[in-house]
Amino acid sequence: MKLKLSTVALALVLSTAGTAFAQNVAIVNGKPVPSSRVDELLKQFSSQLGGRPVTPDIQAQAKEAVISREIFMQEAQKTGLDATD
């Protein structure tokens, strides 16, 4: 019975983690980065591309850019640069 209970618990944890990750593109230092940020950046790219399709390469670059921005923002907050004029 213990084996079945632990298996069910593990499945529950994994399914919850999968749902959270689906909403987030990454987790940076414990802070989730929502996939909506990537979607917004891709909308901007799409308007600049003049109707050309967004390729998987562009999607990967957008994801990396959003994650990099989050890292920079966290560092700025840590050093107090986000509060300066």
Protein backbone atom coordinates (compact mmCIF):
# COMPACT_ATOMS: atom_id res chain seq x y z
CA MET A 1 0.00 0.00 0.00
CA LYS A 2 2.86 2.40 0.76
CA LEU A 3 4.26 1.94 -2.72
CA LYS A 4 0.95 2.83 -4.35
CA LEU A 5 0.48 5.88 -2.14
CA SER A 6 3.97 7.19 -2.89
CA THR A 7 3.46 6.57 -6.61
CA VAL A 8 0.23 8.55 -6.54
CA ALA A 9 1.90 11.36 -4.59
CA LEU A 10 4.77 11.50 -7.10
CA ALA A 11 2.35 11.61 -10.01
CA LEU A 12 0.44 14.45 -8.36
CA VAL A 13 3.62 16.47 -7.80
CA LEU A 14 4.81 15.93 -11.37
CA SER A 15 1.46 16.89 -12.86
CA THR A 16 1.36 20.07 -10.80
CA ALA A 17 4.93 20.97 -11.78
CA GLY A 18 4.09 20.41 -15.45
CA THR A 19 1.13 22.77 -15.21
CA ALA A 20 3.21 25.47 -13.53
CA PHE A 21 5.97 25.13 -16.10
CA ALA A 22 3.45 25.37 -18.95
CA GLN A 23 2.49 28.83 -17.70
CA ASN A 24 6.11 29.86 -17.21
CA VAL A 25 8.93 29.89 -19.69
CA ALA A 26 11.50 29.54 -16.91
CA ILE A 27 12.14 30.03 -13.23
CA VAL A 28 15.01 32.41 -12.48
CA ASN A 29 16.32 32.33 -8.92
CA GLY A 30 12.99 30.99 -7.70
CA LYS A 31 10.94 33.63 -9.54
CA PRO A 32 8.72 32.39 -12.37
CA VAL A 33 8.99 34.08 -15.75
CA PRO A 34 5.55 33.91 -17.41
CA SER A 35 5.30 32.71 -20.99
CA SER A 36 3.07 35.72 -21.67
CA ARG A 37 6.24 37.85 -21.75
CA VAL A 38 7.59 35.75 -24.61
CA ASP A 39 4.23 35.96 -26.38
CA GLU A 40 4.26 39.75 -26.10
CA LEU A 41 7.80 39.97 -27.45
CA LEU A 42 6.86 37.66 -30.34
CA LYS A 43 3.95 39.98 -31.19
CA GLN A 44 6.42 42.85 -31.42
CA PHE A 45 8.76 40.76 -33.60
CA SER A 46 5.87 39.71 -35.81
CA SER A 47 4.86 43.31 -36.51
CA GLN A 48 8.46 44.16 -37.39
CA LEU A 49 8.78 41.16 -39.73
CA GLY A 50 6.11 42.51 -42.04
CA GLY A 51 3.89 39.43 -42.04
CA ARG A 52 6.64 36.85 -42.35
CA PRO A 53 6.15 33.84 -40.07
CA VAL A 54 7.89 33.62 -36.71
CA THR A 55 10.39 30.78 -36.98
CA PRO A 56 11.43 28.43 -34.16
CA ASP A 57 14.78 30.25 -34.12
CA ILE A 58 13.05 33.56 -33.47
CA GLN A 59 10.96 31.91 -30.74
CA ALA A 60 14.13 30.60 -29.07
CA GLN A 61 15.74 34.05 -29.27
CA ALA A 62 12.65 35.64 -27.71
CA LYS A 63 12.72 33.13 -24.87
CA GLU A 64 16.43 33.81 -24.23
CA ALA A 65 15.83 37.58 -24.34
CA VAL A 66 13.02 37.41 -21.80
CA ILE A 67 15.08 35.24 -19.45
CA SER A 68 18.07 37.58 -19.80
CA ARG A 69 15.89 40.58 -19.02
CA GLU A 70 14.64 38.86 -15.87
CA ILE A 71 18.20 38.15 -14.76
CA PHE A 72 19.19 41.78 -15.39
CA MET A 73 16.13 43.07 -13.51
CA GLN A 74 16.86 40.85 -10.52
CA GLU A 75 20.45 42.07 -10.41
CA ALA A 76 19.32 45.69 -10.71
CA GLN A 77 16.93 45.21 -7.82
CA LYS A 78 19.60 43.47 -5.76
CA THR A 79 22.06 46.33 -6.23
CA GLY A 80 19.43 49.06 -5.87
CA LEU A 81 19.70 50.32 -9.45
CA ASP A 82 15.99 49.93 -10.06
CA ALA A 83 15.24 52.69 -7.55
CA THR A 84 17.48 55.41 -9.00
CA ASP A 85 16.43 58.24 -11.29
